[in-house]
């Protein structure tokens, strides 16, 4: 079986942690997509705080918890 990545709201740069679309100001589901979709770097099995752009910056939403093996919805 071949597994493929798809464009959906879950990998769009407009998705907020609240599952609202910052571009269209609506709540979205995991299986939604639109023509304005802008792909962002997706999570993988290797994603964690140590390779997140927010790690040890003011943008990190959980600085006291962030560390090796941890992951949150703000990973980028």
PDB file of N, CA and C in Angstrom:
ATOM      1  N   UNK A   1       0.844  -1.180   0.000  1.00  0.00           N
ATOM      2  CA  UNK A   1       0.000   0.000   0.000  1.00  0.00           C
ATOM      3  C   UNK A   1       0.886   1.239   0.000  1.00  0.00           C
ATOM      4  N   UNK A   2       0.582   2.192  -0.841  1.00  0.00           N
ATOM      5  CA  UNK A   2       1.318   3.450  -0.900  1.00  0.00           C
ATOM      6  C   UNK A   2       0.602   4.489  -0.047  1.00  0.00           C
ATOM      7  N   UNK A   3       1.359   5.194   0.788  1.00  0.00           N
ATOM      8  CA  UNK A   3       0.820   6.250   1.631  1.00  0.00           C
ATOM      9  C   UNK A   3       1.262   7.579   1.048  1.00  0.00           C
ATOM     10  N   UNK A   4       0.314   8.502   0.868  1.00  0.00           N
ATOM     11  CA  UNK A   4       0.614   9.794   0.269  1.00  0.00           C
ATOM     12  C   UNK A   4       0.214  10.924   1.203  1.00  0.00           C
ATOM     13  N   UNK A   5       0.902  12.051   1.094  1.00  0.00           N
ATOM     14  CA  UNK A   5       0.509  13.258   1.802  1.00  0.00           C
ATOM     15  C   UNK A   5      -0.544  13.973   0.976  1.00  0.00           C
ATOM     16  N   UNK A   6      -1.460  14.622   1.660  1.00  0.00           N
ATOM     17  CA  UNK A   6      -2.488  15.385   0.970  1.00  0.00           C
ATOM     18  C   UNK A   6      -2.483  16.810   1.486  1.00  0.00           C
ATOM     19  N   UNK A   7      -3.057  17.704   0.712  1.00  0.00           N
ATOM     20  CA  UNK A   7      -3.240  19.068   1.176  1.00  0.00           C
ATOM     21  C   UNK A   7      -4.556  19.125   1.937  1.00  0.00           C
ATOM     22  N   UNK A   8      -4.482  19.460   3.192  1.00  0.00           N
ATOM     23  CA  UNK A   8      -5.683  19.640   3.996  1.00  0.00           C
ATOM     24  C   UNK A   8      -5.422  20.777   4.970  1.00  0.00           C
ATOM     25  N   UNK A   9      -6.446  21.177   5.685  1.00  0.00           N
ATOM     26  CA  UNK A   9      -6.281  22.281   6.621  1.00  0.00           C
ATOM     27  C   UNK A   9      -5.230  21.981   7.687  1.00  0.00           C
ATOM     28  N   UNK A  10      -5.009  20.735   8.000  1.00  0.00           N
ATOM     29  CA  UNK A  10      -4.056  20.374   9.046  1.00  0.00           C
ATOM     30  C   UNK A  10      -2.617  20.733   8.660  1.00  0.00           C
ATOM     31  N   UNK A  11      -2.301  20.814   7.370  1.00  0.00           N
ATOM     32  CA  UNK A  11      -0.941  21.202   6.973  1.00  0.00           C
ATOM     33  C   UNK A  11      -0.931  22.531   6.218  1.00  0.00           C
ATOM     34  N   UNK A  12      -1.875  23.412   6.567  1.00  0.00           N
ATOM     35  CA  UNK A  12      -1.947  24.744   5.961  1.00  0.00           C
ATOM     36  C   UNK A  12      -1.390  25.774   6.939  1.00  0.00           C
ATOM     37  N   UNK A  13      -0.630  26.717   6.432  1.00  0.00           N
ATOM     38  CA  UNK A  13      -0.043  27.724   7.312  1.00  0.00           C
ATOM     39  C   UNK A  13      -1.088  28.660   7.916  1.00  0.00           C
ATOM     40  N   UNK A  14      -2.326  28.629   7.410  1.00  0.00           N
ATOM     41  CA  UNK A  14      -3.385  29.480   7.944  1.00  0.00           C
ATOM     42  C   UNK A  14      -4.119  28.864   9.131  1.00  0.00           C
ATOM     43  N   UNK A  15      -3.799  27.606   9.483  1.00  0.00           N
ATOM     44  CA  UNK A  15      -4.471  26.939  10.589  1.00  0.00           C
ATOM     45  C   UNK A  15      -3.923  27.413  11.929  1.00  0.00           C
ATOM     46  N   UNK A  16      -4.826  27.809  12.817  1.00  0.00           N
ATOM     47  CA  UNK A  16      -4.462  28.220  14.168  1.00  0.00           C
ATOM     48  C   UNK A  16      -4.592  27.031  15.115  1.00  0.00           C
ATOM     49  N   UNK A  17      -3.926  27.053  16.266  1.00  0.00           N
ATOM     50  CA  UNK A  17      -4.049  25.937  17.214  1.00  0.00           C
ATOM     51  C   UNK A  17      -5.486  25.642  17.635  1.00  0.00           C
ATOM     52  N   UNK A  18      -6.374  26.622  17.512  1.00  0.00           N
ATOM     53  CA  UNK A  18      -7.790  26.451  17.867  1.00  0.00           C
ATOM     54  C   UNK A  18      -8.589  25.776  16.754  1.00  0.00           C
ATOM     55  N   UNK A  19      -7.915  25.371  15.676  1.00  0.00           N
ATOM     56  CA  UNK A  19      -8.528  24.791  14.479  1.00  0.00           C
ATOM     57  C   UNK A  19      -9.431  25.788  13.753  1.00  0.00           C
ATOM     58  N   UNK A  20      -9.080  27.063  13.864  1.00  0.00           N
ATOM     59  CA  UNK A  20      -9.733  28.110  13.089  1.00  0.00           C
ATOM     60  C   UNK A  20      -8.806  28.495  11.946  1.00  0.00           C
ATOM     61  N   UNK A  21      -9.397  28.855  10.808  1.00  0.00           N
ATOM     62  CA  UNK A  21      -8.625  29.326   9.662  1.00  0.00           C
ATOM     63  C   UNK A  21      -8.398  30.821   9.836  1.00  0.00           C
ATOM     64  N   UNK A  22      -7.139  31.236   9.905  1.00  0.00           N
ATOM     65  CA  UNK A  22      -6.836  32.649  10.099  1.00  0.00           C
ATOM     66  C   UNK A  22      -7.143  33.481   8.853  1.00  0.00           C
ATOM     67  N   UNK A  23      -7.244  32.843   7.709  1.00  0.00           N
ATOM     68  CA  UNK A  23      -7.538  33.571   6.472  1.00  0.00           C
ATOM     69  C   UNK A  23      -9.040  33.758   6.262  1.00  0.00           C
ATOM     70  N   UNK A  24      -9.813  32.712   6.555  1.00  0.00           N
ATOM     71  CA  UNK A  24     -11.263  32.767   6.299  1.00  0.00           C
ATOM     72  C   UNK A  24     -12.100  32.982   7.555  1.00  0.00           C
ATOM     73  N   UNK A  25     -11.450  33.018   8.731  1.00  0.00           N
ATOM     74  CA  UNK A  25     -12.117  33.209  10.015  1.00  0.00           C
ATOM     75  C   UNK A  25     -13.275  32.229  10.230  1.00  0.00           C
ATOM     76  N   UNK A  26     -12.999  30.941   9.983  1.00  0.00           N
ATOM     77  CA  UNK A  26     -13.982  29.890  10.243  1.00  0.00           C
ATOM     78  C   UNK A  26     -13.287  28.718  10.930  1.00  0.00           C
ATOM     79  N   UNK A  27     -14.070  27.917  11.642  1.00  0.00           N
ATOM     80  CA  UNK A  27     -13.541  26.700  12.240  1.00  0.00           C
ATOM     81  C   UNK A  27     -13.485  25.630  11.159  1.00  0.00           C
ATOM     82  N   UNK A  28     -12.402  24.865  11.134  1.00  0.00           N
ATOM     83  CA  UNK A  28     -12.224  23.840  10.112  1.00  0.00           C
ATOM     84  C   UNK A  28     -12.058  22.461  10.748  1.00  0.00           C
ATOM     85  N   UNK A  29     -12.156  21.429   9.948  1.00  0.00           N
ATOM     86  CA  UNK A  29     -11.961  20.054  10.377  1.00  0.00           C
ATOM     87  C   UNK A  29     -10.701  19.503   9.728  1.00  0.00           C
ATOM     88  N   UNK A  30     -10.246  18.364  10.213  1.00  0.00           N
ATOM     89  CA  UNK A  30      -9.035  17.734   9.688  1.00  0.00           C
ATOM     90  C   UNK A  30      -9.153  17.353   8.222  1.00  0.00           C
ATOM     91  N   UNK A  31     -10.363  17.089   7.748  1.00  0.00           N
ATOM     92  CA  UNK A  31     -10.545  16.619   6.378  1.00  0.00           C
ATOM     93  C   UNK A  31     -10.936  17.725   5.403  1.00  0.00           C
ATOM     94  N   UNK A  32     -10.781  18.974   5.775  1.00  0.00           N
ATOM     95  CA  UNK A  32     -11.150  20.096   4.910  1.00  0.00           C
ATOM     96  C   UNK A  32      -9.936  20.622   4.152  1.00  0.00           C
ATOM     97  N   UNK A  33     -10.208  21.240   3.004  1.00  0.00           N
ATOM     98  CA  UNK A  33      -9.178  21.910   2.215  1.00  0.00           C
ATOM     99  C   UNK A  33      -9.872  22.957   1.343  1.00  0.00           C
ATOM    100  N   UNK A  34      -9.136  23.988   0.958  1.00  0.00           N
ATOM    101  CA  UNK A  34      -9.712  25.004   0.075  1.00  0.00           C
ATOM    102  C   UNK A  34      -8.685  25.412  -0.969  1.00  0.00           C
ATOM    103  N   UNK A  35      -9.120  26.217  -1.909  1.00  0.00           N
ATOM    104  CA  UNK A  35      -8.222  26.623  -3.003  1.00  0.00           C
ATOM    105  C   UNK A  35      -7.154  27.612  -2.529  1.00  0.00           C
ATOM    106  N   UNK A  36      -7.295  28.167  -1.333  1.00  0.00           N
ATOM    107  CA  UNK A  36      -6.303  29.089  -0.780  1.00  0.00           C
ATOM    108  C   UNK A  36      -5.284  28.379   0.101  1.00  0.00           C
ATOM    109  N   UNK A  37      -5.309  27.053   0.086  1.00  0.00           N
ATOM    110  CA  UNK A  37      -4.407  26.271   0.929  1.00  0.00           C
ATOM    111  C   UNK A  37      -2.956  26.636   0.650  1.00  0.00           C
ATOM    112  N   UNK A  38      -2.215  26.910   1.724  1.00  0.00           N
ATOM    113  CA  UNK A  38      -0.789  27.194   1.625  1.00  0.00           C
ATOM    114  C   UNK A  38      -0.055  26.182   2.478  1.00  0.00           C
ATOM    115  N   UNK A  39       0.636  25.261   1.836  1.00  0.00           N
ATOM    116  CA  UNK A  39       1.305  24.157   2.518  1.00  0.00           C
ATOM    117  C   UNK A  39       2.383  24.658   3.460  1.00  0.00           C
ATOM    118  N   UNK A  40       2.435  24.085   4.644  1.00  0.00           N
ATOM    119  CA  UNK A  40       3.530  24.363   5.563  1.00  0.00           C
ATOM    120  C   UNK A  40       4.237  23.061   5.888  1.00  0.00           C
ATOM    121  N   UNK A  41       5.439  23.160   6.394  1.00  0.00           N
ATOM    122  CA  UNK A  41       6.220  21.996   6.754  1.00  0.00           C
ATOM    123  C   UNK A  41       5.406  21.120   7.701  1.00  0.00           C
ATOM    124  N   UNK A  42       5.297  19.855   7.383  1.00  0.00           N
ATOM    125  CA  UNK A  42       4.456  18.952   8.154  1.00  0.00           C
ATOM    126  C   UNK A  42       5.216  18.219   9.243  1.00  0.00           C
ATOM    127  N   UNK A  43       4.448  17.701  10.162  1.00  0.00           N
ATOM    128  CA  UNK A  43       5.014  16.863  11.213  1.00  0.00           C
ATOM    129  C   UNK A  43       5.476  15.543  10.636  1.00  0.00           C
ATOM    130  N   UNK A  44       6.470  14.958  11.259  1.00  0.00           N
ATOM    131  CA  UNK A  44       6.922  13.625  10.897  1.00  0.00           C
ATOM    132  C   UNK A  44       7.240  12.883  12.192  1.00  0.00           C
ATOM    133  N   UNK A  45       7.631  11.632  12.073  1.00  0.00           N
ATOM    134  CA  UNK A  45       7.965  10.874  13.278  1.00  0.00           C
ATOM    135  C   UNK A  45       9.203  11.435  13.972  1.00  0.00           C
ATOM    136  N   UNK A  46       9.948  12.288  13.289  1.00  0.00           N
ATOM    137  CA  UNK A  46      11.144  12.896  13.872  1.00  0.00           C
ATOM    138  C   UNK A  46      10.887  14.290  14.445  1.00  0.00           C
ATOM    139  N   UNK A  47       9.656  14.780  14.348  1.00  0.00           N
ATOM    140  CA  UNK A  47       9.337  16.117  14.847  1.00  0.00           C
ATOM    141  C   UNK A  47       9.326  16.129  16.373  1.00  0.00           C
ATOM    142  N   UNK A  48       9.969  17.124  16.955  1.00  0.00           N
ATOM    143  CA  UNK A  48       9.927  17.329  18.407  1.00  0.00           C
ATOM    144  C   UNK A  48      10.418  18.739  18.701  1.00  0.00           C
ATOM    145  N   UNK A  49      10.417  19.105  19.964  1.00  0.00           N
ATOM    146  CA  UNK A  49      10.802  20.466  20.337  1.00  0.00           C
ATOM    147  C   UNK A  49      12.210  20.842  19.866  1.00  0.00           C
ATOM    148  N   UNK A  50      13.117  19.899  19.859  1.00  0.00           N
ATOM    149  CA  UNK A  50      14.500  20.219  19.519  1.00  0.00           C
ATOM    150  C   UNK A  50      14.678  20.663  18.071  1.00  0.00           C
ATOM    151  N   UNK A  51      13.770  20.269  17.151  1.00  0.00           N
ATOM    152  CA  UNK A  51      13.894  20.723  15.766  1.00  0.00           C
ATOM    153  C   UNK A  51      12.762  21.668  15.372  1.00  0.00           C
ATOM    154  N   UNK A  52      12.165  22.301  16.370  1.00  0.00           N
ATOM    155  CA  UNK A  52      11.102  23.285  16.131  1.00  0.00           C
ATOM    156  C   UNK A  52      11.707  24.683  16.043  1.00  0.00           C
ATOM    157  N   UNK A  53      11.215  25.491  15.112  1.00  0.00           N
ATOM    158  CA  UNK A  53      11.707  26.868  14.970  1.00  0.00           C
ATOM    159  C   UNK A  53      11.410  27.717  16.208  1.00  0.00           C
ATOM    160  N   UNK A  54      10.398  27.317  16.997  1.00  0.00           N
ATOM    161  CA  UNK A  54      10.014  28.085  18.179  1.00  0.00           C
ATOM    162  C   UNK A  54      10.805  27.713  19.438  1.00  0.00           C
ATOM    163  N   UNK A  55      11.580  26.636  19.381  1.00  0.00           N
ATOM    164  CA  UNK A  55      12.283  26.147  20.569  1.00  0.00           C
ATOM    165  C   UNK A  55      13.243  27.199  21.117  1.00  0.00           C
ATOM    166  N   UNK A  56      13.131  27.460  22.414  1.00  0.00           N
ATOM    167  CA  UNK A  56      13.955  28.437  23.132  1.00  0.00           C
ATOM    168  C   UNK A  56      13.828  29.851  22.564  1.00  0.00           C
ATOM    169  N   UNK A  57      12.638  30.182  22.049  1.00  0.00           N
ATOM    170  CA  UNK A  57      12.354  31.548  21.613  1.00  0.00           C
ATOM    171  C   UNK A  57      11.113  32.031  22.362  1.00  0.00           C
ATOM    172  N   UNK A  58      10.810  33.301  22.234  1.00  0.00           N
ATOM    173  CA  UNK A  58       9.601  33.854  22.862  1.00  0.00           C
ATOM    174  C   UNK A  58       8.326  33.305  22.225  1.00  0.00           C
ATOM    175  N   UNK A  59       8.436  32.730  21.030  1.00  0.00           N
ATOM    176  CA  UNK A  59       7.269  32.180  20.335  1.00  0.00           C
ATOM    177  C   UNK A  59       6.855  30.813  20.869  1.00  0.00           C
ATOM    178  N   UNK A  60       7.690  30.185  21.676  1.00  0.00           N
ATOM    179  CA  UNK A  60       7.377  28.865  22.231  1.00  0.00           C
ATOM    180  C   UNK A  60       6.241  29.002  23.237  1.00  0.00           C
ATOM    181  N   UNK A  61       5.113  28.295  23.024  1.00  0.00           N
ATOM    182  CA  UNK A  61       3.972  28.430  23.924  1.00  0.00           C
ATOM    183  C   UNK A  61       4.135  27.665  25.236  1.00  0.00           C
ATOM    184  N   UNK A  62       5.082  26.744  25.311  1.00  0.00           N
ATOM    185  CA  UNK A  62       5.273  25.920  26.505  1.00  0.00           C
ATOM    186  C   UNK A  62       6.749  25.820  26.887  1.00  0.00           C
ATOM    187  N   UNK A  63       7.409  26.939  27.168  1.00  0.00           N
ATOM    188  CA  UNK A  63       8.860  26.893  27.397  1.00  0.00           C
ATOM    189  C   UNK A  63       9.280  26.031  28.575  1.00  0.00           C
ATOM    190  N   UNK A  64       8.438  25.898  29.592  1.00  0.00           N
ATOM    191  CA  UNK A  64       8.833  25.095  30.751  1.00  0.00           C
ATOM    192  C   UNK A  64       8.696  23.599  30.492  1.00  0.00           C
ATOM    193  N   UNK A  65       7.963  23.217  29.436  1.00  0.00           N
ATOM    194  CA  UNK A  65       7.766  21.810  29.102  1.00  0.00           C
ATOM    195  C   UNK A  65       8.574  21.365  27.887  1.00  0.00           C
ATOM    196  N   UNK A  66       8.983  22.306  27.047  1.00  0.00           N
ATOM    197  CA  UNK A  66       9.648  21.982  25.791  1.00  0.00           C
ATOM    198  C   UNK A  66      10.971  21.263  26.030  1.00  0.00           C
ATOM    199  N   UNK A  67      11.167  20.187  25.279  1.00  0.00           N
ATOM    200  CA  UNK A  67      12.410  19.448  25.397  1.00  0.00           C
ATOM    201  C   UNK A  67      12.426  18.257  24.467  1.00  0.00           C
ATOM    202  N   UNK A  68      13.478  17.487  24.545  1.00  0.00           N
ATOM    203  CA  UNK A  68      13.660  16.324  23.689  1.00  0.00           C
ATOM    204  C   UNK A  68      12.463  15.371  23.785  1.00  0.00           C
ATOM    205  N   UNK A  69      11.903  15.008  22.646  1.00  0.00           N
ATOM    206  CA  UNK A  69      10.798  14.070  22.601  1.00  0.00           C
ATOM    207  C   UNK A  69       9.430  14.697  22.759  1.00  0.00           C
ATOM    208  N   UNK A  70       9.351  15.964  23.103  1.00  0.00           N
ATOM    209  CA  UNK A  70       8.063  16.637  23.282  1.00  0.00           C
ATOM    210  C   UNK A  70       7.624  17.266  21.951  1.00  0.00           C
ATOM    211  N   UNK A  71       6.319  17.411  21.791  1.00  0.00           N
ATOM    212  CA  UNK A  71       5.757  18.001  20.578  1.00  0.00           C
ATOM    213  C   UNK A  71       4.429  18.650  20.930  1.00  0.00           C
ATOM    214  N   UNK A  72       4.116  19.777  20.288  1.00  0.00           N
ATOM    215  CA  UNK A  72       2.830  20.432  20.502  1.00  0.00           C
ATOM    216  C   UNK A  72       2.279  20.922  19.178  1.00  0.00           C
ATOM    217  N   UNK A  73       1.084  21.502  19.204  1.00  0.00           N
ATOM    218  CA  UNK A  73       0.441  21.960  17.965  1.00  0.00           C
ATOM    219  C   UNK A  73       1.075  23.226  17.395  1.00  0.00           C
ATOM    220  N   UNK A  74       2.019  23.823  18.081  1.00  0.00           N
ATOM    221  CA  UNK A  74       2.682  25.020  17.584  1.00  0.00           C
ATOM    222  C   UNK A  74       4.029  24.715  16.948  1.00  0.00           C
ATOM    223  N   UNK A  75       4.318  23.425  16.741  1.00  0.00           N
ATOM    224  CA  UNK A  75       5.590  23.050  16.129  1.00  0.00           C
ATOM    225  C   UNK A  75       5.692  23.661  14.740  1.00  0.00           C
ATOM    226  N   UNK A  76       6.860  24.174  14.411  1.00  0.00           N
ATOM    227  CA  UNK A  76       7.081  24.712  13.054  1.00  0.00           C
ATOM    228  C   UNK A  76       8.526  24.517  12.644  1.00  0.00           C
TER     229      UNK A  76
END
